[in-house]
Amino acid sequence: MAWSRAALGAGVAVAVAALLVSGGSGTDPQAPRFLEIGVVGSAGATVAVDSFGSVIDRRRARGEALANRRWLGRVRPLGAGAPPWARRMYLQSLLVLRALTDRNGAVIAGAREGWAYVWPRDAGAVALAFAAAGYRAEARRVARFLLGLDLDAAARFYEDGAPVGGREAQGDARGWVEAAARAAGIPSPTAPFDWRDRPDYQEKGEGDYLGNAIASGAPVKEIAERFRGTDGVLVRKVRDPGSGVDSAVAWAVQPFPYPALFPTVRRSLRRLIDERGGRFGIVPSEDWPEDDPWTVPTAWAAWAFASLGDRATALELMSDLRRAATPLGLLPERVDAQTGEPRSTTPLAWSHAFAILALHRLWPGAVTRLPCITCQTRYTTR
């Protein structure tokens, strides 16, 4: 299936469609000028959108908007006290995830060449977000798709589950698939999956990385000792204090909780915010070579602080995330550190998934926690 059709396997509202074509700033050579977006329920039909967000076939777009409103009628809303901006971000993020999820459960990272693939960690986070928002059927479809992948074959996969060549399997994949299955209430067979000597979410080469260790359930003692840095923080690379704090330390709060590490996680994230944070969010890690903030670590750090009970810091990070969003409320992968202008794929499914999870933790509705994530013996007894 062509990537442009894959982008909207479940349909999309006008507001979301308007920026699904965005590939970043005007200087980004990969930014498409035009995109035809496939519409479910109208075989072969498309909604045509230009790069300025103008919907050419407005009649079909209106139909998709009505379908989305019906779909949002099933949502588990944020709890009492959630401000209007939070409710808008929550619903808009859900529409983005719906737009990027195919009917077979395949979730592409973004509607753009090079991003229109399924990464297990990205799709796993989407399953968690769907479950938190009350869309259990959608979460199950995503989890079942992920459980059918050969995670040792590649880092990315096509919509039919075939591996995409060019990038080796990454060390956090199994953990995110298992987390997705737990959130969806699906049994997840445990299989050996070594996190060592594999790339992590930054995809910059093989190594022993903190995020992979956390997602894979490494013993708490091993993490605390092997990733110890200066000043009581955890660092990105094994026995390399110079690698600095990695924002993926937040995963040790959610969705792979290590209660014994919570104080260290808080201290580590606080240092990253102070050293590499700005008005649009944080960078992935202290050793990240560029200054442009990323919306994904900003959102997952907010989720962690909210889960730790540090509401003030979580809200500060959500304010950063709001400033990084486009006028339509879509989250780019990263933005210019000075202007907030999108510098990469917009919207990014991963970012919107963590925004949903952070908002749900800040203003929980009828269900106050994700199903079967924090209750797992595997994570609470280490």
Protein backbone atom coordinates (compact mmCIF):
# COMPACT_ATOMS: atom_id res chain seq x y z
CA MET A 1 0.00 0.00 0.00
CA ALA A 2 1.34 3.43 -0.91
CA TRP A 3 2.46 5.49 2.07
CA SER A 4 -0.01 8.30 1.36
CA ARG A 5 -2.95 5.89 1.53
CA ALA A 6 -1.53 4.17 4.58
CA ALA A 7 -1.49 7.47 6.37
CA LEU A 8 -5.24 7.58 6.72
CA GLY A 9 -6.44 4.02 6.97
CA ALA A 10 -9.22 5.08 9.35
CA GLY A 11 -10.21 8.44 7.93
CA VAL A 12 -9.46 11.92 9.19
CA ALA A 13 -11.18 15.16 10.10
CA VAL A 14 -10.58 18.30 8.08
CA ALA A 15 -8.54 19.87 10.87
CA VAL A 16 -6.17 16.92 11.00
CA ALA A 17 -5.95 16.43 7.26
CA ALA A 18 -4.90 20.02 6.85
CA LEU A 19 -1.44 19.40 8.21
CA LEU A 20 -0.86 15.70 7.62
CA VAL A 21 1.06 16.76 4.54
CA SER A 22 3.57 18.80 6.53
CA GLY A 23 7.08 17.46 6.37
CA GLY A 24 8.74 20.22 8.32
CA SER A 25 10.00 23.66 7.53
CA GLY A 26 10.15 25.23 4.11
CA THR A 27 13.82 24.34 3.93
CA ASP A 28 13.17 20.63 4.42
CA PRO A 29 13.85 18.95 1.05
CA GLN A 30 11.58 16.02 1.91
CA ALA A 31 8.49 18.11 2.60
CA PRO A 32 5.85 17.03 0.06
CA ARG A 33 3.98 19.73 -1.83
CA PHE A 34 0.89 17.63 -2.39
CA LEU A 35 -0.68 14.51 -0.93
CA GLU A 36 -3.70 12.42 -1.84
CA ILE A 37 -5.21 10.92 1.28
CA GLY A 38 -7.15 7.67 0.94
CA VAL A 39 -10.64 7.60 2.43
CA VAL A 40 -12.07 4.46 4.00
CA GLY A 41 -15.55 3.59 2.82
CA SER A 42 -15.10 5.18 -0.60
CA ALA A 43 -13.18 2.69 -2.66
CA GLY A 44 -10.51 4.40 -4.66
CA ALA A 45 -11.63 7.86 -3.60
CA THR A 46 -9.29 10.45 -2.17
CA VAL A 47 -9.37 13.70 -0.31
CA ALA A 48 -6.84 15.99 -1.99
CA VAL A 49 -4.92 18.34 0.26
CA ASP A 50 -2.25 20.78 -0.82
CA SER A 51 0.79 21.67 1.26
CA PHE A 52 -0.92 24.76 2.65
CA GLY A 53 -3.68 22.66 4.18
CA SER A 54 -6.41 23.45 1.66
CA VAL A 55 -8.85 20.54 1.33
CA ILE A 56 -9.83 20.35 -2.30
CA ASP A 57 -12.67 17.83 -1.99
CA ARG A 58 -14.56 19.40 0.89
CA ARG A 59 -17.65 17.23 0.51
CA ARG A 60 -15.73 14.05 1.27
CA ALA A 61 -13.79 15.82 3.98
CA ARG A 62 -17.05 16.79 5.69
CA GLY A 63 -18.10 13.15 5.63
CA GLU A 64 -14.86 12.14 7.29
CA ALA A 65 -15.34 14.85 9.89
CA LEU A 66 -18.77 13.44 10.75
CA ALA A 67 -17.30 9.95 11.07
CA ASN A 68 -14.64 11.27 13.39
CA ARG A 69 -17.18 13.02 15.56
CA ARG A 70 -19.06 9.73 15.92
CA TRP A 71 -15.81 7.97 16.79
CA LEU A 72 -14.99 10.59 19.42
CA GLY A 73 -18.36 9.91 20.98
CA ARG A 74 -16.84 6.69 22.38
CA VAL A 75 -13.95 8.47 24.12
CA ARG A 76 -13.20 8.19 27.81
CA PRO A 77 -13.05 11.92 28.55
CA LEU A 78 -10.55 13.67 30.73
CA GLY A 79 -11.63 14.14 34.30
CA ALA A 80 -13.28 17.13 35.90
CA GLY A 81 -11.14 20.23 35.97
CA ALA A 82 -9.35 19.63 32.67
CA PRO A 83 -9.02 23.03 30.97
CA PRO A 84 -10.22 23.62 27.40
CA TRP A 85 -6.70 23.49 25.94
CA ALA A 86 -6.16 20.04 27.46
CA ARG A 87 -9.44 18.71 26.08
CA ARG A 88 -8.59 20.07 22.62
CA MET A 89 -5.13 18.52 22.66
CA TYR A 90 -6.56 15.22 23.89
CA LEU A 91 -9.19 14.95 21.15
CA GLN A 92 -6.94 16.25 18.40
CA SER A 93 -4.24 13.76 19.38
CA LEU A 94 -6.74 10.93 19.26
CA LEU A 95 -7.80 11.95 15.76
CA VAL A 96 -4.17 11.93 14.66
CA LEU A 97 -3.72 8.41 16.00
CA ARG A 98 -6.89 7.28 14.29
CA ALA A 99 -5.66 8.80 11.05
CA LEU A 100 -2.31 7.02 11.21
CA THR A 101 -3.72 3.60 12.18
CA ASP A 102 -4.72 1.14 9.47
CA ARG A 103 -7.65 -1.22 9.89
CA ASN A 104 -5.29 -4.16 10.48
CA GLY A 105 -3.68 -2.38 13.46
CA ALA A 106 -0.56 -1.12 11.68
CA VAL A 107 0.38 2.35 12.96
CA ILE A 108 2.72 4.39 10.81
CA ALA A 109 4.89 6.97 12.51
CA GLY A 110 3.98 9.79 10.15
CA ALA A 111 2.40 10.54 6.77
CA ARG A 112 5.66 11.07 4.95
CA GLU A 113 8.19 9.02 3.03
CA GLY A 114 10.74 7.60 5.44
CA TRP A 115 8.24 7.78 8.31
CA ALA A 116 5.35 5.78 6.83
CA TYR A 117 6.50 2.59 8.53
CA VAL A 118 5.61 0.81 11.75
CA TRP A 119 8.17 1.13 14.55
CA PRO A 120 7.26 -1.23 17.43
CA ARG A 121 7.97 1.40 20.09
CA ASP A 122 5.88 4.08 18.38
CA ALA A 123 2.99 1.75 17.71
CA GLY A 124 3.23 0.30 21.21
CA ALA A 125 2.80 3.77 22.70
CA VAL A 126 -0.23 4.31 20.45
CA ALA A 127 -1.81 1.12 21.82
CA LEU A 128 -1.29 2.44 25.36
CA ALA A 129 -2.90 5.75 24.41
CA PHE A 130 -5.90 4.08 22.79
CA ALA A 131 -6.40 1.93 25.90
CA ALA A 132 -6.15 4.94 28.21
CA ALA A 133 -8.75 6.82 26.16
CA GLY A 134 -11.20 3.92 26.22
CA TYR A 135 -10.60 2.60 22.70
CA ARG A 136 -9.91 -0.98 23.72
CA ALA A 137 -10.77 -2.48 20.33
CA GLU A 138 -8.27 -0.19 18.59
CA ALA A 139 -5.64 -1.01 21.20
CA ARG A 140 -6.19 -4.73 20.63
CA ARG A 141 -5.78 -4.40 16.88
CA VAL A 142 -2.50 -2.55 17.28
CA ALA A 143 -1.21 -5.03 19.87
CA ARG A 144 -2.15 -8.05 17.75
CA PHE A 145 -0.36 -6.55 14.75
CA LEU A 146 2.76 -6.00 16.86
CA LEU A 147 2.64 -9.51 18.30
CA GLY A 148 2.78 -10.87 14.75
CA LEU A 149 6.06 -9.13 13.88
CA ASP A 150 9.49 -10.74 13.74
CA LEU A 151 11.17 -8.24 16.06
CA ASP A 152 14.63 -9.62 15.35
CA ALA A 153 14.27 -8.90 11.64
CA ALA A 154 14.38 -5.10 11.48
CA ALA A 155 13.72 -1.81 13.24
CA ARG A 156 10.77 -0.91 10.99
CA PHE A 157 7.99 -2.79 9.26
CA TYR A 158 5.58 -2.34 6.38
CA GLU A 159 1.84 -2.34 6.94
CA ASP A 160 1.66 -6.02 6.03
CA GLY A 161 4.22 -6.88 8.72
CA ALA A 162 7.16 -7.40 6.37
CA PRO A 163 10.47 -5.99 7.65
CA VAL A 164 11.92 -2.85 6.11
CA GLY A 165 15.60 -3.18 5.32
CA GLY A 166 18.34 -0.73 6.23
CA ARG A 167 18.09 -0.57 10.03
CA GLU A 168 18.83 -3.33 12.48
CA ALA A 169 16.43 -4.52 15.15
CA GLN A 170 16.40 -2.28 18.20
CA GLY A 171 16.73 -3.27 21.82
CA ASP A 172 13.46 -1.87 23.18
CA ALA A 173 11.08 -3.49 20.70
CA ARG A 174 10.03 -6.49 22.76
CA GLY A 175 9.30 -4.36 25.82
CA TRP A 176 7.03 -1.99 23.94
CA VAL A 177 5.14 -4.84 22.29
CA GLU A 178 4.58 -6.50 25.67
CA ALA A 179 3.42 -3.19 27.15
CA ALA A 180 0.95 -2.77 24.28
CA ALA A 181 -0.40 -6.27 24.84
CA ARG A 182 -0.87 -5.69 28.57
CA ALA A 183 -2.68 -2.42 27.99
CA ALA A 184 -4.98 -4.14 25.50
CA GLY A 185 -5.60 -7.10 27.79
CA ILE A 186 -4.00 -9.59 25.41
CA PRO A 187 -1.68 -12.39 26.60
CA SER A 188 1.86 -11.75 25.49
CA PRO A 189 4.12 -14.78 25.16
CA THR A 190 7.50 -14.00 26.66
CA ALA A 191 10.36 -14.72 24.29
CA PRO A 192 14.10 -14.15 24.68
CA PHE A 193 15.11 -10.76 23.36
CA ASP A 194 18.54 -9.43 24.27
CA TRP A 195 18.68 -5.65 24.58
CA ARG A 196 22.46 -5.51 24.56
CA ASP A 197 24.51 -4.50 21.54
CA ARG A 198 21.50 -3.08 19.73
CA PRO A 199 20.52 0.44 18.65
CA ASP A 200 18.11 2.39 20.82
CA TYR A 201 15.36 4.87 19.91
CA GLN A 202 17.97 7.39 18.72
CA GLU A 203 19.08 4.88 16.05
CA LYS A 204 22.71 5.94 16.12
CA GLY A 205 24.42 2.57 16.25
CA GLU A 206 24.71 -0.49 18.45
CA GLY A 207 25.45 -0.30 22.15
CA ASP A 208 24.16 -0.96 25.64
CA TYR A 209 21.61 1.81 26.18
CA LEU A 210 19.49 2.83 29.15
CA GLY A 211 16.17 2.95 27.30
CA ASN A 212 16.67 -0.57 25.96
CA ALA A 213 17.55 -1.89 29.41
CA ILE A 214 14.47 -0.31 31.00
CA ALA A 215 12.06 -1.49 28.31
CA SER A 216 13.49 -5.01 28.37
CA GLY A 217 13.12 -5.53 32.11
CA ALA A 218 16.78 -5.57 33.11
CA PRO A 219 17.29 -6.03 36.88
CA VAL A 220 17.06 -2.80 38.85
CA LYS A 221 20.48 -3.40 40.41
CA GLU A 222 22.07 -3.74 36.98
CA ILE A 223 20.50 -0.51 35.77
CA ALA A 224 21.43 1.41 38.91
CA GLU A 225 25.05 0.27 38.82
CA ARG A 226 25.89 0.08 35.12
CA PHE A 227 24.21 3.34 34.13
CA ARG A 228 25.28 5.37 37.15
CA GLY A 229 26.49 8.86 36.31
CA THR A 230 27.75 11.74 38.37
CA ASP A 231 25.51 13.60 40.83
CA GLY A 232 23.20 10.65 41.31
CA VAL A 233 21.71 10.47 37.81
CA LEU A 234 21.35 7.73 35.22
CA VAL A 235 23.12 8.13 31.89
CA ARG A 236 22.42 6.89 28.39
CA LYS A 237 25.33 4.45 27.86
CA VAL A 238 26.71 1.72 30.09
CA ARG A 239 29.65 2.88 32.21
CA ASP A 240 29.90 6.16 30.29
CA PRO A 241 29.10 9.12 32.57
CA GLY A 242 30.01 11.45 29.72
CA SER A 243 27.03 10.26 27.70
CA GLY A 244 24.80 12.30 30.02
CA VAL A 245 21.17 11.95 31.02
CA ASP A 246 18.82 10.25 28.58
CA SER A 247 15.17 11.35 28.57
CA ALA A 248 14.26 7.65 28.21
CA VAL A 249 14.96 7.39 31.93
CA ALA A 250 11.32 8.51 32.19
CA TRP A 251 10.27 5.06 30.98
CA ALA A 252 11.32 3.71 34.39
CA VAL A 253 8.24 5.50 35.77
CA GLN A 254 5.83 4.71 32.93
CA PRO A 255 5.22 2.34 31.24
CA PHE A 256 7.98 0.14 32.75
CA PRO A 257 7.90 1.19 36.40
CA TYR A 258 10.91 0.62 38.64
CA PRO A 259 9.75 2.15 41.95
CA ALA A 260 13.22 1.89 43.46
CA LEU A 261 14.51 4.21 40.76
CA PHE A 262 11.83 6.89 41.01
CA PRO A 263 13.96 9.39 43.00
CA THR A 264 16.84 8.91 40.55
CA VAL A 265 14.52 9.33 37.58
CA ARG A 266 13.20 12.60 38.97
CA ARG A 267 16.72 13.90 39.58
CA SER A 268 17.91 12.82 36.14
CA LEU A 269 15.01 14.41 34.26
CA ARG A 270 15.33 17.60 36.27
CA ARG A 271 18.96 17.91 35.21
CA LEU A 272 18.08 17.34 31.56
CA ILE A 273 15.39 20.03 31.73
CA ASP A 274 17.77 22.48 33.38
CA GLU A 275 20.68 21.76 31.04
CA ARG A 276 19.00 21.09 27.67
CA GLY A 277 15.46 22.40 28.03
CA GLY A 278 13.83 25.50 26.56
CA ARG A 279 10.49 27.09 25.91
CA PHE A 280 9.55 24.41 23.35
CA GLY A 281 10.67 21.35 25.30
CA ILE A 282 13.71 19.17 25.76
CA VAL A 283 16.16 17.31 23.55
CA PRO A 284 16.33 13.50 23.70
CA SER A 285 19.51 13.39 25.81
CA GLU A 286 22.35 15.51 27.11
CA ASP A 287 24.70 14.12 24.44
CA TRP A 288 22.27 14.97 21.62
CA PRO A 289 24.32 16.98 19.10
CA GLU A 290 21.61 19.50 18.16
CA ASP A 291 19.57 22.07 20.08
CA ASP A 292 16.16 21.60 18.46
CA PRO A 293 13.73 20.24 21.08
CA TRP A 294 11.74 17.10 20.42
CA THR A 295 8.08 16.78 21.31
CA VAL A 296 8.28 13.06 22.12
CA PRO A 297 10.67 13.25 25.11
CA THR A 298 8.91 16.40 26.28
CA ALA A 299 5.61 14.51 26.37
CA TRP A 300 6.92 11.33 27.96
CA ALA A 301 8.77 13.37 30.60
CA ALA A 302 5.47 15.12 31.38
CA TRP A 303 3.80 11.71 31.76
CA ALA A 304 6.55 10.61 34.15
CA PHE A 305 6.36 13.73 36.33
CA ALA A 306 2.57 13.53 36.45
CA SER A 307 2.84 9.89 37.53
CA LEU A 308 5.37 10.86 40.21
CA GLY A 309 2.97 13.44 41.60
CA ASP A 310 5.02 16.44 40.45
CA ARG A 311 2.11 18.19 38.80
CA ALA A 312 3.85 21.55 38.50
CA THR A 313 6.73 20.20 36.41
CA ALA A 314 4.38 18.10 34.30
CA LEU A 315 2.30 21.18 33.50
CA GLU A 316 5.43 23.18 32.64
CA LEU A 317 6.38 20.52 30.11
CA MET A 318 2.86 20.44 28.70
CA SER A 319 3.08 24.21 28.25
CA ASP A 320 6.28 23.67 26.28
CA LEU A 321 4.47 21.07 24.19
CA ARG A 322 1.61 23.47 23.48
CA ARG A 323 4.07 26.10 22.26
CA ALA A 324 5.68 23.51 19.97
CA ALA A 325 2.34 22.55 18.40
CA THR A 326 1.15 23.96 15.09
CA PRO A 327 -1.85 26.36 14.97
CA LEU A 328 -4.07 23.29 14.38
CA GLY A 329 -2.63 21.59 17.45
CA LEU A 330 -0.47 19.05 15.64
CA LEU A 331 2.87 17.99 17.11
CA PRO A 332 5.98 17.97 14.93
CA GLU A 333 8.75 15.51 15.64
CA ARG A 334 11.01 18.46 16.49
CA VAL A 335 10.93 22.22 16.26
CA ASP A 336 13.37 25.09 15.91
CA ALA A 337 14.72 25.96 19.33
CA GLN A 338 14.31 29.70 18.75
CA THR A 339 11.11 30.02 16.73
CA GLY A 340 9.18 26.82 17.37
CA GLU A 341 8.86 26.26 13.62
CA PRO A 342 8.40 22.57 12.71
CA ARG A 343 11.68 21.02 11.59
CA SER A 344 10.50 17.50 10.79
CA THR A 345 7.49 15.24 10.29
CA THR A 346 4.17 16.75 11.38
CA PRO A 347 2.20 15.22 13.00
CA LEU A 348 4.14 12.41 14.66
CA ALA A 349 2.06 9.57 16.09
CA TRP A 350 4.52 8.91 18.92
CA SER A 351 4.30 12.49 20.21
CA HIS A 352 0.51 12.53 20.20
CA ALA A 353 0.38 9.16 21.98
CA PHE A 354 2.44 10.45 24.89
CA ALA A 355 0.48 13.69 24.98
CA ILE A 356 -2.68 11.63 25.50
CA LEU A 357 -1.02 9.59 28.25
CA ALA A 358 0.27 12.68 30.05
CA LEU A 359 -3.11 14.42 29.86
CA HIS A 360 -4.89 11.33 31.08
CA ARG A 361 -2.56 11.15 34.08
CA LEU A 362 -3.01 14.84 34.88
CA TRP A 363 -6.81 14.70 34.62
CA PRO A 364 -7.82 11.05 35.01
CA GLY A 365 -11.36 10.17 34.11
CA ALA A 366 -13.39 7.18 35.24
CA VAL A 367 -10.38 4.87 35.02
CA THR A 368 -7.41 6.32 36.86
CA ARG A 369 -4.65 4.11 35.49
CA LEU A 370 -3.81 2.14 32.40
CA PRO A 371 -4.97 -1.48 32.55
CA CYS A 372 -2.41 -3.97 33.78
CA ILE A 373 0.73 -1.88 33.30
CA THR A 374 1.78 -0.85 36.78
CA CYS A 375 0.25 -3.98 38.33
CA GLN A 376 2.58 -6.45 36.66
CA THR A 377 4.76 -8.49 39.00
CA ARG A 378 7.57 -8.33 36.46
CA TYR A 379 7.93 -4.61 37.06
CA THR A 380 6.91 -4.08 40.68
CA THR A 381 9.08 -6.64 42.44
CA ARG A 382 12.46 -5.82 40.95
